[in-house]
Amino acid sequence: MRLIARHAIAAAAAASALAIAATPAMAATGQLTLRGWGESLTVLNPKAGCIKTAFAMSQVANNTNVAVTVHTDPGCAGWGLVVAPGDTALVGASHSVRVPS
């Protein structure tokens, strides 16, 4: 009987771990608007990772529930400026934004 109980507990633990691992990571809820000179990109509920733009951003409006980091270089490299939830920041000529996981 104990052996069956151990197997049942192990199976339940494995199923829980699998369910957690299979859950998609949605890093932010809300809207992130990236503006450049004459161009803009709005991302709804941005996923965790690096958002690269084809244009240089001059302003970031972070209307999500997490802080994001705006980077000067593509691929979320270079110096970073943190933009808090609900804030809008002038960011010079930046090329990527990191959304945390």
PDB file of N, CA and C in Angstrom:
ATOM      1  N   MET A   1       0.818  -1.183   0.000  1.00  0.00           N
ATOM      2  CA  MET A   1       0.000   0.000   0.000  1.00  0.00           C
ATOM      3  C   MET A   1       0.868   1.256   0.000  1.00  0.00           C
ATOM      4  N   ARG A   2       1.944   1.228   0.803  1.00  0.00           N
ATOM      5  CA  ARG A   2       2.830   2.382   0.853  1.00  0.00           C
ATOM      6  C   ARG A   2       3.488   2.628  -0.490  1.00  0.00           C
ATOM      7  N   LEU A   3       3.834   1.560  -1.196  1.00  0.00           N
ATOM      8  CA  LEU A   3       4.463   1.688  -2.499  1.00  0.00           C
ATOM      9  C   LEU A   3       3.517   2.387  -3.477  1.00  0.00           C
ATOM     10  N   ILE A   4       2.252   2.033  -3.454  1.00  0.00           N
ATOM     11  CA  ILE A   4       1.262   2.671  -4.330  1.00  0.00           C
ATOM     12  C   ILE A   4       1.120   4.148  -3.972  1.00  0.00           C
ATOM     13  N   ALA A   5       1.096   4.460  -2.686  1.00  0.00           N
ATOM     14  CA  ALA A   5       0.978   5.854  -2.246  1.00  0.00           C
ATOM     15  C   ALA A   5       2.183   6.661  -2.705  1.00  0.00           C
ATOM     16  N   ARG A   6       3.385   6.087  -2.604  1.00  0.00           N
ATOM     17  CA  ARG A   6       4.589   6.795  -3.056  1.00  0.00           C
ATOM     18  C   ARG A   6       4.521   7.076  -4.544  1.00  0.00           C
ATOM     19  N   HIS A   7       4.092   6.090  -5.325  1.00  0.00           N
ATOM     20  CA  HIS A   7       3.989   6.273  -6.771  1.00  0.00           C
ATOM     21  C   HIS A   7       2.947   7.337  -7.110  1.00  0.00           C
ATOM     22  N   ALA A   8       1.849   7.350  -6.383  1.00  0.00           N
ATOM     23  CA  ALA A   8       0.802   8.341  -6.626  1.00  0.00           C
ATOM     24  C   ALA A   8       1.316   9.744  -6.315  1.00  0.00           C
ATOM     25  N   ILE A   9       2.059   9.890  -5.219  1.00  0.00           N
ATOM     26  CA  ILE A   9       2.619  11.199  -4.859  1.00  0.00           C
ATOM     27  C   ILE A   9       3.651  11.625  -5.885  1.00  0.00           C
ATOM     28  N   ALA A  10       4.508  10.706  -6.309  1.00  0.00           N
ATOM     29  CA  ALA A  10       5.525  11.023  -7.310  1.00  0.00           C
ATOM     30  C   ALA A  10       4.882  11.424  -8.633  1.00  0.00           C
ATOM     31  N   ALA A  11       3.836  10.729  -9.033  1.00  0.00           N
ATOM     32  CA  ALA A  11       3.144  11.057 -10.286  1.00  0.00           C
ATOM     33  C   ALA A  11       2.479  12.430 -10.195  1.00  0.00           C
ATOM     34  N   ALA A  12       1.884  12.725  -9.054  1.00  0.00           N
ATOM     35  CA  ALA A  12       1.244  14.034  -8.882  1.00  0.00           C
ATOM     36  C   ALA A  12       2.286  15.150  -8.918  1.00  0.00           C
ATOM     37  N   ALA A  13       3.437  14.938  -8.286  1.00  0.00           N
ATOM     38  CA  ALA A  13       4.505  15.938  -8.291  1.00  0.00           C
ATOM     39  C   ALA A  13       5.036  16.154  -9.704  1.00  0.00           C
ATOM     40  N   ALA A  14       5.214  15.080 -10.447  1.00  0.00           N
ATOM     41  CA  ALA A  14       5.696  15.199 -11.825  1.00  0.00           C
ATOM     42  C   ALA A  14       4.687  15.944 -12.696  1.00  0.00           C
ATOM     43  N   ALA A  15       3.412  15.651 -12.520  1.00  0.00           N
ATOM     44  CA  ALA A  15       2.371  16.334 -13.298  1.00  0.00           C
ATOM     45  C   ALA A  15       2.337  17.821 -12.962  1.00  0.00           C
ATOM     46  N   SER A  16       2.521  18.172 -11.692  1.00  0.00           N
ATOM     47  CA  SER A  16       2.544  19.575 -11.294  1.00  0.00           C
ATOM     48  C   SER A  16       3.729  20.294 -11.907  1.00  0.00           C
ATOM     49  N   ALA A  17       4.893  19.660 -11.880  1.00  0.00           N
ATOM     50  CA  ALA A  17       6.092  20.266 -12.460  1.00  0.00           C
ATOM     51  C   ALA A  17       5.918  20.470 -13.961  1.00  0.00           C
ATOM     52  N   LEU A  18       5.326  19.518 -14.624  1.00  0.00           N
ATOM     53  CA  LEU A  18       5.094  19.624 -16.060  1.00  0.00           C
ATOM     54  C   LEU A  18       4.111  20.750 -16.361  1.00  0.00           C
ATOM     55  N   ALA A  19       3.082  20.877 -15.576  1.00  0.00           N
ATOM     56  CA  ALA A  19       2.099  21.939 -15.783  1.00  0.00           C
ATOM     57  C   ALA A  19       2.728  23.309 -15.589  1.00  0.00           C
ATOM     58  N   ILE A  20       3.594  23.447 -14.594  1.00  0.00           N
ATOM     59  CA  ILE A  20       4.266  24.725 -14.361  1.00  0.00           C
ATOM     60  C   ILE A  20       5.216  25.030 -15.508  1.00  0.00           C
ATOM     61  N   ALA A  21       5.976  24.041 -15.967  1.00  0.00           N
ATOM     62  CA  ALA A  21       6.926  24.254 -17.061  1.00  0.00           C
ATOM     63  C   ALA A  21       6.213  24.567 -18.365  1.00  0.00           C
ATOM     64  N   ALA A  22       5.017  24.032 -18.562  1.00  0.00           N
ATOM     65  CA  ALA A  22       4.298  24.239 -19.811  1.00  0.00           C
ATOM     66  C   ALA A  22       3.540  25.558 -19.838  1.00  0.00           C
ATOM     67  N   THR A  23       3.436  26.231 -18.700  1.00  0.00           N
ATOM     68  CA  THR A  23       2.719  27.495 -18.647  1.00  0.00           C
ATOM     69  C   THR A  23       3.531  28.561 -19.356  1.00  0.00           C
ATOM     70  N   PRO A  24       2.947  29.246 -20.345  1.00  0.00           N
ATOM     71  CA  PRO A  24       3.713  30.256 -21.062  1.00  0.00           C
ATOM     72  C   PRO A  24       4.031  31.432 -20.141  1.00  0.00           C
ATOM     73  N   ALA A  25       5.221  32.013 -20.347  1.00  0.00           N
ATOM     74  CA  ALA A  25       5.636  33.151 -19.523  1.00  0.00           C
ATOM     75  C   ALA A  25       5.098  34.438 -20.133  1.00  0.00           C
ATOM     76  N   MET A  26       4.135  35.027 -19.471  1.00  0.00           N
ATOM     77  CA  MET A  26       3.661  36.337 -19.888  1.00  0.00           C
ATOM     78  C   MET A  26       4.239  37.309 -18.883  1.00  0.00           C
ATOM     79  N   ALA A  27       5.213  38.069 -19.320  1.00  0.00           N
ATOM     80  CA  ALA A  27       5.967  38.888 -18.388  1.00  0.00           C
ATOM     81  C   ALA A  27       5.245  40.154 -17.993  1.00  0.00           C
ATOM     82  N   ALA A  28       4.428  40.700 -18.868  1.00  0.00           N
ATOM     83  CA  ALA A  28       3.804  41.979 -18.560  1.00  0.00           C
ATOM     84  C   ALA A  28       2.364  42.000 -19.035  1.00  0.00           C
ATOM     85  N   THR A  29       1.562  42.734 -18.306  1.00  0.00           N
ATOM     86  CA  THR A  29       0.181  42.958 -18.699  1.00  0.00           C
ATOM     87  C   THR A  29       0.028  44.445 -18.954  1.00  0.00           C
ATOM     88  N   GLY A  30      -0.504  44.781 -20.098  1.00  0.00           N
ATOM     89  CA  GLY A  30      -0.689  46.183 -20.442  1.00  0.00           C
ATOM     90  C   GLY A  30      -0.109  46.503 -21.796  1.00  0.00           C
ATOM     91  N   GLN A  31       0.212  47.760 -21.983  1.00  0.00           N
ATOM     92  CA  GLN A  31       0.638  48.246 -23.292  1.00  0.00           C
ATOM     93  C   GLN A  31       1.979  48.964 -23.177  1.00  0.00           C
ATOM     94  N   LEU A  32       2.898  48.634 -24.082  1.00  0.00           N
ATOM     95  CA  LEU A  32       4.205  49.266 -24.155  1.00  0.00           C
ATOM     96  C   LEU A  32       4.287  49.974 -25.505  1.00  0.00           C
ATOM     97  N   THR A  33       4.473  51.286 -25.483  1.00  0.00           N
ATOM     98  CA  THR A  33       4.524  52.054 -26.726  1.00  0.00           C
ATOM     99  C   THR A  33       5.919  52.631 -26.907  1.00  0.00           C
ATOM    100  N   LEU A  34       6.530  52.298 -28.035  1.00  0.00           N
ATOM    101  CA  LEU A  34       7.875  52.751 -28.372  1.00  0.00           C
ATOM    102  C   LEU A  34       7.746  53.743 -29.522  1.00  0.00           C
ATOM    103  N   ARG A  35       8.203  54.973 -29.315  1.00  0.00           N
ATOM    104  CA  ARG A  35       8.064  56.019 -30.338  1.00  0.00           C
ATOM    105  C   ARG A  35       9.431  56.478 -30.813  1.00  0.00           C
ATOM    106  N   GLY A  36       9.522  56.694 -32.120  1.00  0.00           N
ATOM    107  CA  GLY A  36      10.721  57.261 -32.727  1.00  0.00           C
ATOM    108  C   GLY A  36      10.330  58.485 -33.517  1.00  0.00           C
ATOM    109  N   TRP A  37      11.239  58.979 -34.299  1.00  0.00           N
ATOM    110  CA  TRP A  37      10.950  60.146 -35.122  1.00  0.00           C
ATOM    111  C   TRP A  37      10.125  59.702 -36.323  1.00  0.00           C
ATOM    112  N   GLY A  38       8.794  59.900 -36.232  1.00  0.00           N
ATOM    113  CA  GLY A  38       7.895  59.537 -37.315  1.00  0.00           C
ATOM    114  C   GLY A  38       7.467  58.080 -37.328  1.00  0.00           C
ATOM    115  N   GLU A  39       7.900  57.289 -36.360  1.00  0.00           N
ATOM    116  CA  GLU A  39       7.523  55.873 -36.303  1.00  0.00           C
ATOM    117  C   GLU A  39       7.144  55.507 -34.875  1.00  0.00           C
ATOM    118  N   SER A  40       6.313  54.465 -34.745  1.00  0.00           N
ATOM    119  CA  SER A  40       5.993  53.966 -33.411  1.00  0.00           C
ATOM    120  C   SER A  40       5.618  52.489 -33.487  1.00  0.00           C
ATOM    121  N   LEU A  41       5.728  51.842 -32.337  1.00  0.00           N
ATOM    122  CA  LEU A  41       5.379  50.433 -32.209  1.00  0.00           C
ATOM    123  C   LEU A  41       4.692  50.271 -30.866  1.00  0.00           C
ATOM    124  N   THR A  42       3.491  49.680 -30.871  1.00  0.00           N
ATOM    125  CA  THR A  42       2.773  49.405 -29.633  1.00  0.00           C
ATOM    126  C   THR A  42       2.677  47.897 -29.457  1.00  0.00           C
ATOM    127  N   VAL A  43       3.105  47.426 -28.298  1.00  0.00           N
ATOM    128  CA  VAL A  43       3.082  45.993 -27.987  1.00  0.00           C
ATOM    129  C   VAL A  43       2.108  45.788 -26.834  1.00  0.00           C
ATOM    130  N   LEU A  44       1.097  44.958 -27.059  1.00  0.00           N
ATOM    131  CA  LEU A  44       0.099  44.649 -26.038  1.00  0.00           C
ATOM    132  C   LEU A  44       0.524  43.387 -25.302  1.00  0.00           C
ATOM    133  N   ASN A  45       0.557  43.441 -23.976  1.00  0.00           N
ATOM    134  CA  ASN A  45       0.973  42.316 -23.125  1.00  0.00           C
ATOM    135  C   ASN A  45       2.311  41.733 -23.588  1.00  0.00           C
ATOM    136  N   PRO A  46       3.382  42.539 -23.547  1.00  0.00           N
ATOM    137  CA  PRO A  46       4.679  42.070 -24.052  1.00  0.00           C
ATOM    138  C   PRO A  46       5.204  40.860 -23.283  1.00  0.00           C
ATOM    139  N   LYS A  47       5.759  39.924 -24.027  1.00  0.00           N
ATOM    140  CA  LYS A  47       6.334  38.709 -23.438  1.00  0.00           C
ATOM    141  C   LYS A  47       7.743  39.010 -22.937  1.00  0.00           C
ATOM    142  N   ALA A  48       8.232  38.163 -22.059  1.00  0.00           N
ATOM    143  CA  ALA A  48       9.587  38.314 -21.528  1.00  0.00           C
ATOM    144  C   ALA A  48      10.607  38.205 -22.651  1.00  0.00           C
ATOM    145  N   GLY A  49      11.640  39.027 -22.579  1.00  0.00           N
ATOM    146  CA  GLY A  49      12.709  38.973 -23.561  1.00  0.00           C
ATOM    147  C   GLY A  49      13.043  40.352 -24.096  1.00  0.00           C
ATOM    148  N   CYS A  50      13.731  40.345 -25.220  1.00  0.00           N
ATOM    149  CA  CYS A  50      14.229  41.574 -25.818  1.00  0.00           C
ATOM    150  C   CYS A  50      13.372  41.962 -27.024  1.00  0.00           C
ATOM    151  N   ILE A  51      12.880  43.184 -27.007  1.00  0.00           N
ATOM    152  CA  ILE A  51      12.131  43.723 -28.141  1.00  0.00           C
ATOM    153  C   ILE A  51      13.076  44.628 -28.912  1.00  0.00           C
ATOM    154  N   LYS A  52      13.310  44.298 -30.180  1.00  0.00           N
ATOM    155  CA  LYS A  52      14.194  45.102 -31.032  1.00  0.00           C
ATOM    156  C   LYS A  52      13.342  45.909 -31.998  1.00  0.00           C
ATOM    157  N   THR A  53      13.736  47.132 -32.252  1.00  0.00           N
ATOM    158  CA  THR A  53      13.011  47.955 -33.208  1.00  0.00           C
ATOM    159  C   THR A  53      13.891  48.233 -34.419  1.00  0.00           C
ATOM    160  N   ALA A  54      13.239  48.478 -35.555  1.00  0.00           N
ATOM    161  CA  ALA A  54      13.962  48.815 -36.781  1.00  0.00           C
ATOM    162  C   ALA A  54      14.259  50.305 -36.834  1.00  0.00           C
ATOM    163  N   PHE A  55      13.801  51.039 -35.830  1.00  0.00           N
ATOM    164  CA  PHE A  55      14.012  52.487 -35.786  1.00  0.00           C
ATOM    165  C   PHE A  55      14.573  52.879 -34.424  1.00  0.00           C
ATOM    166  N   ALA A  56      15.164  54.046 -34.367  1.00  0.00           N
ATOM    167  CA  ALA A  56      15.681  54.549 -33.092  1.00  0.00           C
ATOM    168  C   ALA A  56      14.531  55.131 -32.282  1.00  0.00           C
ATOM    169  N   MET A  57      14.366  54.648 -31.061  1.00  0.00           N
ATOM    170  CA  MET A  57      13.301  55.147 -30.187  1.00  0.00           C
ATOM    171  C   MET A  57      13.756  56.437 -29.508  1.00  0.00           C
ATOM    172  N   SER A  58      12.820  57.354 -29.374  1.00  0.00           N
ATOM    173  CA  SER A  58      13.112  58.578 -28.630  1.00  0.00           C
ATOM    174  C   SER A  58      12.281  58.657 -27.353  1.00  0.00           C
ATOM    175  N   GLN A  59      11.202  57.854 -27.289  1.00  0.00           N
ATOM    176  CA  GLN A  59      10.312  57.882 -26.131  1.00  0.00           C
ATOM    177  C   GLN A  59       9.709  56.505 -25.908  1.00  0.00           C
ATOM    178  N   VAL A  60       9.596  56.121 -24.631  1.00  0.00           N
ATOM    179  CA  VAL A  60       8.962  54.856 -24.262  1.00  0.00           C
ATOM    180  C   VAL A  60       7.877  55.147 -23.239  1.00  0.00           C
ATOM    181  N   ALA A  61       6.647  54.716 -23.550  1.00  0.00           N
ATOM    182  CA  ALA A  61       5.526  54.835 -22.620  1.00  0.00           C
ATOM    183  C   ALA A  61       5.234  53.429 -22.097  1.00  0.00           C
ATOM    184  N   ASN A  62       5.495  53.223 -20.815  1.00  0.00           N
ATOM    185  CA  ASN A  62       5.333  51.905 -20.204  1.00  0.00           C
ATOM    186  C   ASN A  62       4.031  51.858 -19.409  1.00  0.00           C
ATOM    187  N   ASN A  63       2.980  51.425 -20.059  1.00  0.00           N
ATOM    188  CA  ASN A  63       1.687  51.265 -19.395  1.00  0.00           C
ATOM    189  C   ASN A  63       1.433  49.790 -19.103  1.00  0.00           C
ATOM    190  N   THR A  64       2.478  49.111 -18.586  1.00  0.00           N
ATOM    191  CA  THR A  64       2.374  47.712 -18.170  1.00  0.00           C
ATOM    192  C   THR A  64       2.497  47.647 -16.657  1.00  0.00           C
ATOM    193  N   ASN A  65       2.498  46.433 -16.139  1.00  0.00           N
ATOM    194  CA  ASN A  65       2.611  46.245 -14.693  1.00  0.00           C
ATOM    195  C   ASN A  65       4.028  45.912 -14.240  1.00  0.00           C
ATOM    196  N   VAL A  66       5.023  46.001 -15.131  1.00  0.00           N
ATOM    197  CA  VAL A  66       6.421  45.716 -14.770  1.00  0.00           C
ATOM    198  C   VAL A  66       7.334  46.821 -15.291  1.00  0.00           C
ATOM    199  N   ALA A  67       8.467  46.993 -14.631  1.00  0.00           N
ATOM    200  CA  ALA A  67       9.490  47.922 -15.120  1.00  0.00           C
ATOM    201  C   ALA A  67      10.199  47.279 -16.304  1.00  0.00           C
ATOM    202  N   VAL A  68      10.511  48.070 -17.322  1.00  0.00           N
ATOM    203  CA  VAL A  68      11.262  47.591 -18.483  1.00  0.00           C
ATOM    204  C   VAL A  68      12.569  48.369 -18.555  1.00  0.00           C
ATOM    205  N   THR A  69      13.559  47.795 -19.240  1.00  0.00           N
ATOM    206  CA  THR A  69      14.851  48.463 -19.402  1.00  0.00           C
ATOM    207  C   THR A  69      15.071  48.754 -20.875  1.00  0.00           C
ATOM    208  N   VAL A  70      15.285  50.023 -21.182  1.00  0.00           N
ATOM    209  CA  VAL A  70      15.520  50.462 -22.558  1.00  0.00           C
ATOM    210  C   VAL A  70      17.026  50.504 -22.780  1.00  0.00           C
ATOM    211  N   HIS A  71      17.482  49.896 -23.880  1.00  0.00           N
ATOM    212  CA  HIS A  71      18.923  49.812 -24.176  1.00  0.00           C
ATOM    213  C   HIS A  71      19.279  50.610 -25.417  1.00  0.00           C
ATOM    214  N   THR A  72      20.488  51.153 -25.402  1.00  0.00           N
ATOM    215  CA  THR A  72      20.956  51.966 -26.525  1.00  0.00           C
ATOM    216  C   THR A  72      21.223  51.137 -27.773  1.00  0.00           C
ATOM    217  N   ASP A  73      21.633  49.901 -27.609  1.00  0.00           N
ATOM    218  CA  ASP A  73      22.032  49.079 -28.747  1.00  0.00           C
ATOM    219  C   ASP A  73      21.024  47.971 -29.026  1.00  0.00           C
ATOM    220  N   PRO A  74      21.002  47.454 -30.265  1.00  0.00           N
ATOM    221  CA  PRO A  74      20.132  46.316 -30.577  1.00  0.00           C
ATOM    222  C   PRO A  74      20.516  45.104 -29.721  1.00  0.00           C
ATOM    223  N   GLY A  75      19.585  44.197 -29.521  1.00  0.00           N
ATOM    224  CA  GLY A  75      19.856  42.981 -28.763  1.00  0.00           C
ATOM    225  C   GLY A  75      19.956  43.211 -27.267  1.00  0.00           C
ATOM    226  N   CYS A  76      19.376  44.315 -26.800  1.00  0.00           N
ATOM    227  CA  CYS A  76      19.384  44.663 -25.372  1.00  0.00           C
ATOM    228  C   CYS A  76      20.802  44.763 -24.825  1.00  0.00           C
ATOM    229  N   ALA A  77      21.667  45.385 -25.611  1.00  0.00           N
ATOM    230  CA  ALA A  77      23.050  45.640 -25.201  1.00  0.00           C
ATOM    231  C   ALA A  77      23.234  47.147 -25.009  1.00  0.00           C
ATOM    232  N   GLY A  78      24.368  47.519 -24.480  1.00  0.00           N
ATOM    233  CA  GLY A  78      24.638  48.930 -24.234  1.00  0.00           C
ATOM    234  C   GLY A  78      24.044  49.370 -22.911  1.00  0.00           C
ATOM    235  N   TRP A  79      24.106  50.652 -22.633  1.00  0.00           N
ATOM    236  CA  TRP A  79      23.577  51.149 -21.353  1.00  0.00           C
ATOM    237  C   TRP A  79      22.076  50.964 -21.310  1.00  0.00           C
ATOM    238  N   GLY A  80      21.550  50.887 -20.105  1.00  0.00           N
ATOM    239  CA  GLY A  80      20.118  50.679 -19.930  1.00  0.00           C
ATOM    240  C   GLY A  80      19.489  51.725 -19.035  1.00  0.00           C
ATOM    241  N   LEU A  81      18.273  52.082 -19.348  1.00  0.00           N
ATOM    242  CA  LEU A  81      17.480  53.012 -18.554  1.00  0.00           C
ATOM    243  C   LEU A  81      16.200  52.300 -18.152  1.00  0.00           C
ATOM    244  N   VAL A  82      15.921  52.229 -16.861  1.00  0.00           N
ATOM    245  CA  VAL A  82      14.724  51.555 -16.370  1.00  0.00           C
ATOM    246  C   VAL A  82      13.544  52.523 -16.440  1.00  0.00           C
ATOM    247  N   VAL A  83      12.441  52.043 -17.039  1.00  0.00           N
ATOM    248  CA  VAL A  83      11.200  52.820 -17.115  1.00  0.00           C
ATOM    249  C   VAL A  83      10.168  52.074 -16.264  1.00  0.00           C
ATOM    250  N   ALA A  84       9.742  52.712 -15.194  1.00  0.00           N
ATOM    251  CA  ALA A  84       8.810  52.098 -14.243  1.00  0.00           C
ATOM    252  C   ALA A  84       7.414  51.970 -14.835  1.00  0.00           C
ATOM    253  N   PRO A  85       6.592  51.069 -14.288  1.00  0.00           N
ATOM    254  CA  PRO A  85       5.206  50.944 -14.746  1.00  0.00           C
ATOM    255  C   PRO A  85       4.473  52.282 -14.612  1.00  0.00           C
ATOM    256  N   GLY A  86       3.749  52.658 -15.652  1.00  0.00           N
ATOM    257  CA  GLY A  86       2.986  53.898 -15.643  1.00  0.00           C
ATOM    258  C   GLY A  86       3.781  55.129 -16.034  1.00  0.00           C
ATOM    259  N   ASP A  87       5.092  54.984 -16.274  1.00  0.00           N
ATOM    260  CA  ASP A  87       5.935  56.125 -16.625  1.00  0.00           C
ATOM    261  C   ASP A  87       6.181  56.213 -18.125  1.00  0.00           C
ATOM    262  N   THR A  88       6.505  57.422 -18.561  1.00  0.00           N
ATOM    263  CA  THR A  88       6.955  57.680 -19.927  1.00  0.00           C
ATOM    264  C   THR A  88       8.314  58.341 -19.821  1.00  0.00           C
ATOM    265  N   ALA A  89       9.264  57.889 -20.645  1.00  0.00           N
ATOM    266  CA  ALA A  89      10.619  58.432 -20.562  1.00  0.00           C
ATOM    267  C   ALA A  89      11.143  58.795 -21.946  1.00  0.00           C
ATOM    268  N   LEU A  90      11.896  59.887 -21.987  1.00  0.00           N
ATOM    269  CA  LEU A  90      12.655  60.237 -23.185  1.00  0.00           C
ATOM    270  C   LEU A  90      13.933  59.420 -23.134  1.00  0.00           C
ATOM    271  N   VAL A  91      14.247  58.710 -24.214  1.00  0.00           N
ATOM    272  CA  VAL A  91      15.338  57.730 -24.163  1.00  0.00           C
ATOM    273  C   VAL A  91      16.433  57.975 -25.198  1.00  0.00           C
ATOM    274  N   GLY A  92      16.488  59.164 -25.785  1.00  0.00           N
ATOM    275  CA  GLY A  92      17.530  59.422 -26.779  1.00  0.00           C
ATOM    276  C   GLY A  92      17.295  58.582 -28.013  1.00  0.00           C
ATOM    277  N   ALA A  93      18.338  57.973 -28.504  1.00  0.00           N
ATOM    278  CA  ALA A  93      18.238  57.116 -29.699  1.00  0.00           C
ATOM    279  C   ALA A  93      18.511  55.679 -29.278  1.00  0.00           C
ATOM    280  N   SER A  94      17.512  55.019 -28.712  1.00  0.00           N
ATOM    281  CA  SER A  94      17.672  53.648 -28.220  1.00  0.00           C
ATOM    282  C   SER A  94      17.094  52.656 -29.221  1.00  0.00           C
ATOM    283  N   HIS A  95      17.553  51.388 -29.139  1.00  0.00           N
ATOM    284  CA  HIS A  95      17.184  50.409 -30.159  1.00  0.00           C
ATOM    285  C   HIS A  95      16.557  49.122 -29.656  1.00  0.00           C
ATOM    286  N   SER A  96      16.420  48.934 -28.329  1.00  0.00           N
ATOM    287  CA  SER A  96      15.820  47.695 -27.833  1.00  0.00           C
ATOM    288  C   SER A  96      15.315  47.883 -26.400  1.00  0.00           C
ATOM    289  N   VAL A  97      14.372  47.005 -26.017  1.00  0.00           N
ATOM    290  CA  VAL A  97      13.763  47.061 -24.690  1.00  0.00           C
ATOM    291  C   VAL A  97      13.733  45.659 -24.108  1.00  0.00           C
ATOM    292  N   ARG A  98      14.183  45.515 -22.864  1.00  0.00           N
ATOM    293  CA  ARG A  98      14.152  44.237 -22.164  1.00  0.00           C
ATOM    294  C   ARG A  98      12.942  44.187 -21.245  1.00  0.00           C
ATOM    295  N   VAL A  99      12.108  43.163 -21.443  1.00  0.00           N
ATOM    296  CA  VAL A  99      10.962  42.912 -20.564  1.00  0.00           C
ATOM    297  C   VAL A  99      11.349  41.752 -19.674  1.00  0.00           C
ATOM    298  N   PRO A 100      11.310  41.931 -18.335  1.00  0.00           N
ATOM    299  CA  PRO A 100      11.761  40.852 -17.450  1.00  0.00           C
ATOM    300  C   PRO A 100      10.815  39.663 -17.428  1.00  0.00           C
ATOM    301  N   SER A 101      11.354  38.524 -17.005  1.00  0.00           N
ATOM    302  CA  SER A 101      10.519  37.325 -16.894  1.00  0.00           C
ATOM    303  C   SER A 101       9.994  37.170 -15.496  1.00  0.00           C
TER     304      SER A 101
END
